[in-house]
Amino acid sequence: MRRVLVTGGSRGIGRAVALAFAERGDRVAVHCATNRVDAENTVDQLPGAGHTVLVGDLGDPEVPQRIVEDAVTALGGVDVLINNAAVAPTPDNEHRVAVVDQPEWQRVWRRMVEVNLLGAVNLTYGVARHLIGRGAGGSIINIGSRGAFRGEPEFPAYGASKAALHAFGQSMALALAPHGISVASVAPGFIGTERQAAKLAGPSGAALRGQSPFGRVGTAEEVASAVLYLASPEAQWASGAVLDLNGASHLRT
């Protein structure tokens, strides 16, 4: 039985990841920024016992260490960290450089970097120090994005924050390997979560499905399966990898 901290676990990919670990007998701490009701709903769906909800805005530099400490207390330790929480692209935070004014440009960049990158950076620090202090190995998996490689002209801060997250993960893979801690990332393409249901059902749905030669979008469960593998002891040799999970919708060279 492993103790797993999943950030952004209220719904979508985070919920699917929490379920996947719990179904294998692991104990899970489900983090959310503010939506405790949805996070508790996630926990209610998890098989087994000993799961918990943790609440806090990871963009606040004081919060990540508290989240780690609360997870350690609630679970009896942390063996696996899934850095999934992020400020996702929405119409409210679109920031095309030719359109948005400078205060809004700065606001969106600051918020996305604070949560998507620095939140994960500070959580990784806390969990890594916990594991090193225990003399225990473990796994850290970052949920990045295809947008880190193909570019996000409508949401450049999102693409940049995910590219930085991938690079940070590779640096930590080198730094933490001597301590038996593996670090890897997943870079999903478009995933058909609840948040995307309206978009998929609307006029843009066909184009979104057409991005992949499979003619569909990915599922949260497919991302969860990849995370499970990368967090497993059998995948230690994949430390430092960034796994593209986009149905051949974008091929890196």
Protein backbone atom coordinates (compact mmCIF):
# COMPACT_ATOMS: atom_id res chain seq x y z
CA MET A 1 0.00 0.00 0.00
CA ARG A 2 1.39 3.38 -1.05
CA ARG A 3 0.43 6.81 0.24
CA VAL A 4 -0.40 9.11 -2.70
CA LEU A 5 -0.93 12.88 -2.83
CA VAL A 6 -2.91 13.98 -5.91
CA THR A 7 -3.28 17.71 -6.45
CA GLY A 8 -6.24 19.08 -8.35
CA GLY A 9 -8.21 15.94 -7.56
CA SER A 10 -11.72 17.42 -7.54
CA ARG A 11 -12.58 16.24 -11.03
CA GLY A 12 -11.22 15.32 -14.45
CA ILE A 13 -7.71 13.92 -14.67
CA GLY A 14 -7.05 14.32 -10.95
CA ARG A 15 -10.16 12.36 -10.02
CA ALA A 16 -9.31 9.59 -12.50
CA VAL A 17 -5.77 9.37 -11.11
CA ALA A 18 -7.03 9.20 -7.52
CA LEU A 19 -9.45 6.42 -8.46
CA ALA A 20 -6.77 4.46 -10.31
CA PHE A 21 -4.45 4.42 -7.27
CA ALA A 22 -7.23 3.65 -4.80
CA GLU A 23 -8.46 0.76 -6.94
CA ARG A 24 -5.02 -0.78 -6.51
CA GLY A 25 -5.21 -0.56 -2.74
CA ASP A 26 -3.35 2.72 -2.24
CA ARG A 27 -4.38 5.42 0.21
CA VAL A 28 -4.97 8.82 -1.39
CA ALA A 29 -4.97 12.46 -0.28
CA VAL A 30 -7.13 14.43 -2.71
CA HIS A 31 -6.16 18.09 -2.90
CA CYS A 32 -8.34 20.92 -4.21
CA ALA A 33 -7.88 24.68 -4.31
CA THR A 34 -11.34 25.66 -3.11
CA ASN A 35 -13.95 23.14 -4.26
CA ARG A 36 -14.14 20.93 -1.19
CA VAL A 37 -17.53 19.51 -2.21
CA ASP A 38 -16.18 18.05 -5.45
CA ALA A 39 -13.03 16.81 -3.70
CA GLU A 40 -15.14 15.07 -1.07
CA ASN A 41 -17.19 13.57 -3.89
CA THR A 42 -13.97 12.17 -5.32
CA VAL A 43 -13.04 10.66 -1.95
CA ASP A 44 -16.52 9.16 -1.61
CA GLN A 45 -15.92 7.29 -4.88
CA LEU A 46 -12.58 5.82 -3.79
CA PRO A 47 -12.56 2.17 -2.71
CA GLY A 48 -10.80 1.37 0.53
CA ALA A 49 -10.32 3.49 3.63
CA GLY A 50 -8.04 6.19 4.97
CA HIS A 51 -8.44 8.67 2.11
CA THR A 52 -8.61 12.39 2.87
CA VAL A 53 -9.30 15.83 1.40
CA LEU A 54 -6.79 18.68 1.57
CA VAL A 55 -7.69 22.26 0.62
CA GLY A 56 -5.39 25.12 -0.32
CA ASP A 57 -4.36 27.55 -3.06
CA LEU A 58 -1.01 26.30 -4.36
CA GLY A 59 -0.29 29.74 -5.79
CA ASP A 60 0.28 30.92 -2.22
CA PRO A 61 3.93 30.05 -1.46
CA GLU A 62 3.07 29.17 2.13
CA VAL A 63 0.43 26.58 1.21
CA PRO A 64 2.35 23.75 -0.53
CA GLN A 65 4.45 22.87 2.52
CA ARG A 66 1.32 22.82 4.68
CA ILE A 67 -0.38 20.51 2.16
CA VAL A 68 2.59 18.14 2.30
CA GLU A 69 2.61 18.15 6.10
CA ASP A 70 -1.14 17.55 6.26
CA ALA A 71 -0.85 14.68 3.77
CA VAL A 72 1.95 13.10 5.80
CA THR A 73 -0.13 13.38 8.95
CA ALA A 74 -3.34 12.06 7.38
CA LEU A 75 -1.78 9.21 5.42
CA GLY A 76 1.14 8.37 7.70
CA GLY A 77 3.59 9.47 5.01
CA VAL A 78 3.72 10.22 1.29
CA ASP A 79 5.29 7.84 -1.23
CA VAL A 80 3.94 9.28 -4.49
CA LEU A 81 3.21 12.88 -5.53
CA ILE A 82 1.09 13.68 -8.57
CA ASN A 83 1.46 17.34 -9.57
CA ASN A 84 -1.80 17.75 -11.47
CA ALA A 85 -3.29 21.02 -10.17
CA ALA A 86 -3.18 23.85 -12.69
CA VAL A 87 -4.89 27.00 -13.87
CA ALA A 88 -6.30 25.69 -17.14
CA PRO A 89 -7.05 27.77 -20.25
CA THR A 90 -10.53 29.29 -20.20
CA PRO A 91 -12.21 32.20 -22.00
CA ASP A 92 -11.65 34.25 -18.85
CA ASN A 93 -7.86 33.95 -18.97
CA GLU A 94 -7.21 34.04 -22.72
CA HIS A 95 -4.31 36.46 -23.29
CA ARG A 96 -3.42 36.98 -26.94
CA VAL A 97 -0.49 39.35 -27.03
CA ALA A 98 -2.07 41.51 -29.75
CA VAL A 99 -5.35 41.91 -27.87
CA VAL A 100 -4.95 41.92 -24.09
CA ASP A 101 -3.77 44.98 -22.14
CA GLN A 102 -0.58 44.89 -20.08
CA PRO A 103 -2.16 44.62 -16.59
CA GLU A 104 -4.24 41.64 -17.70
CA TRP A 105 -1.22 40.11 -19.46
CA GLN A 106 0.79 40.35 -16.25
CA ARG A 107 -2.06 39.09 -14.08
CA VAL A 108 -2.60 35.93 -16.12
CA TRP A 109 1.10 35.18 -16.44
CA ARG A 110 1.65 35.61 -12.71
CA ARG A 111 -1.28 33.38 -11.76
CA MET A 112 -0.44 30.56 -14.16
CA VAL A 113 3.23 30.51 -13.21
CA GLU A 114 2.44 30.67 -9.49
CA VAL A 115 0.12 27.65 -9.63
CA ASN A 116 1.21 25.56 -12.62
CA LEU A 117 4.94 25.83 -12.01
CA LEU A 118 5.80 27.20 -8.56
CA GLY A 119 3.03 25.28 -6.81
CA ALA A 120 4.43 22.04 -8.22
CA VAL A 121 8.00 23.16 -7.49
CA ASN A 122 7.21 23.78 -3.83
CA LEU A 123 5.22 20.57 -3.41
CA THR A 124 8.05 18.61 -4.99
CA TYR A 125 10.50 20.18 -2.56
CA GLY A 126 8.35 19.23 0.43
CA VAL A 127 7.73 15.65 -0.68
CA ALA A 128 11.35 15.14 -1.75
CA ARG A 129 12.63 16.33 1.62
CA HIS A 130 10.12 14.06 3.36
CA LEU A 131 11.29 11.04 1.33
CA ILE A 132 14.97 11.85 1.78
CA GLY A 133 14.44 12.28 5.51
CA ARG A 134 12.80 8.84 5.69
CA GLY A 135 15.53 7.30 3.58
CA ALA A 136 12.75 6.02 1.33
CA GLY A 137 12.37 5.92 -2.42
CA GLY A 138 9.28 7.23 -4.14
CA SER A 139 7.83 8.72 -7.30
CA ILE A 140 6.87 12.19 -8.47
CA ILE A 141 4.77 12.55 -11.62
CA ASN A 142 4.03 15.90 -13.25
CA ILE A 143 1.00 16.43 -15.48
CA GLY A 144 2.27 18.69 -18.24
CA SER A 145 0.77 19.37 -21.66
CA ARG A 146 1.15 18.94 -25.40
CA GLY A 147 0.98 22.73 -25.44
CA ALA A 148 4.50 22.87 -24.04
CA PHE A 149 5.76 21.63 -27.42
CA ARG A 150 3.34 22.87 -30.07
CA GLY A 151 2.79 26.34 -28.59
CA GLU A 152 -0.31 28.03 -27.16
CA PRO A 153 -0.80 31.36 -28.99
CA GLU A 154 -4.05 32.12 -27.14
CA PHE A 155 -2.60 31.01 -23.78
CA PRO A 156 1.18 31.49 -23.92
CA ALA A 157 1.54 31.49 -20.14
CA TYR A 158 -0.05 28.06 -19.98
CA GLY A 159 2.28 26.60 -22.61
CA ALA A 160 5.33 28.19 -20.99
CA SER A 161 4.40 27.05 -17.49
CA LYS A 162 3.97 23.45 -18.71
CA ALA A 163 7.26 23.52 -20.64
CA ALA A 164 8.97 24.76 -17.48
CA LEU A 165 7.29 21.99 -15.48
CA HIS A 166 8.70 19.37 -17.86
CA ALA A 167 12.19 20.89 -17.57
CA PHE A 168 11.93 21.09 -13.80
CA GLY A 169 10.94 17.42 -13.67
CA GLN A 170 14.01 16.44 -15.64
CA SER A 171 16.26 18.45 -13.32
CA MET A 172 14.67 16.73 -10.33
CA ALA A 173 15.07 13.32 -11.98
CA LEU A 174 18.82 13.91 -11.95
CA ALA A 175 18.87 15.41 -8.47
CA LEU A 176 16.70 12.78 -6.78
CA ALA A 177 17.84 9.55 -8.44
CA PRO A 178 20.64 9.07 -5.87
CA HIS A 179 17.89 8.99 -3.24
CA GLY A 180 15.86 6.35 -5.08
CA ILE A 181 13.19 8.86 -6.15
CA SER A 182 12.01 8.80 -9.76
CA VAL A 183 10.51 11.83 -11.49
CA ALA A 184 8.65 11.78 -14.80
CA SER A 185 6.03 13.78 -16.68
CA VAL A 186 3.00 13.12 -18.86
CA ALA A 187 2.14 15.55 -21.67
CA PRO A 188 -1.53 15.00 -22.58
CA GLY A 189 -3.25 16.43 -25.61
CA PHE A 190 -6.93 17.38 -25.53
CA ILE A 191 -8.69 15.31 -22.86
CA GLY A 192 -12.46 14.89 -22.78
CA THR A 193 -13.12 15.77 -19.16
CA GLU A 194 -16.39 17.11 -17.75
CA ARG A 195 -15.05 20.64 -18.18
CA GLN A 196 -14.67 20.07 -21.93
CA ALA A 197 -18.06 18.41 -22.52
CA ALA A 198 -19.76 21.52 -23.89
CA LYS A 199 -16.88 22.27 -26.22
CA LEU A 200 -16.90 18.73 -27.58
CA ALA A 201 -20.66 18.83 -28.08
CA GLY A 202 -20.51 22.22 -29.83
CA PRO A 203 -19.39 23.42 -33.26
CA SER A 204 -15.68 22.90 -32.44
CA GLY A 205 -16.15 19.27 -31.38
CA ALA A 206 -15.46 17.71 -34.78
CA ALA A 207 -12.28 19.72 -35.24
CA LEU A 208 -11.05 18.75 -31.80
CA ARG A 209 -11.64 15.06 -32.50
CA GLY A 210 -10.04 15.49 -35.89
CA GLN A 211 -6.73 16.61 -34.35
CA SER A 212 -5.91 12.93 -33.82
CA PRO A 213 -5.84 10.35 -36.63
CA PHE A 214 -7.84 8.15 -34.26
CA GLY A 215 -10.72 10.59 -34.69
CA ARG A 216 -11.33 11.11 -30.99
CA VAL A 217 -9.98 12.90 -27.96
CA GLY A 218 -8.21 11.31 -25.02
CA THR A 219 -9.79 10.25 -21.75
CA ALA A 220 -8.86 11.01 -18.17
CA GLU A 221 -8.61 7.27 -17.57
CA GLU A 222 -5.92 6.97 -20.25
CA VAL A 223 -3.88 9.64 -18.51
CA ALA A 224 -4.39 7.86 -15.18
CA SER A 225 -3.11 4.60 -16.67
CA ALA A 226 0.06 6.33 -17.84
CA VAL A 227 0.54 7.93 -14.43
CA LEU A 228 0.11 4.57 -12.71
CA TYR A 229 2.84 3.06 -14.85
CA LEU A 230 5.29 5.93 -14.40
CA ALA A 231 4.74 5.88 -10.63
CA SER A 232 5.32 2.12 -10.40
CA PRO A 233 8.62 0.59 -9.24
CA GLU A 234 8.86 -1.09 -12.66
CA ALA A 235 9.08 2.33 -14.32
CA GLN A 236 12.01 3.68 -12.32
CA TRP A 237 14.20 3.50 -15.43
CA ALA A 238 11.78 5.93 -17.14
CA SER A 239 12.77 8.65 -14.68
CA GLY A 240 13.35 11.90 -16.58
CA ALA A 241 10.95 10.95 -19.37
CA VAL A 242 8.20 13.16 -20.74
CA LEU A 243 5.52 10.84 -22.12
CA ASP A 244 3.48 12.24 -25.01
CA LEU A 245 -0.13 11.18 -24.62
CA ASN A 246 -1.94 12.88 -27.46
CA GLY A 247 -3.11 10.23 -29.93
CA ALA A 248 -0.49 11.28 -32.52
CA SER A 249 -2.09 14.73 -32.71
CA HIS A 250 1.34 16.34 -32.29
CA LEU A 251 4.64 14.59 -33.01
CA ARG A 252 7.85 15.97 -31.58
CA THR A 253 11.06 15.87 -33.59
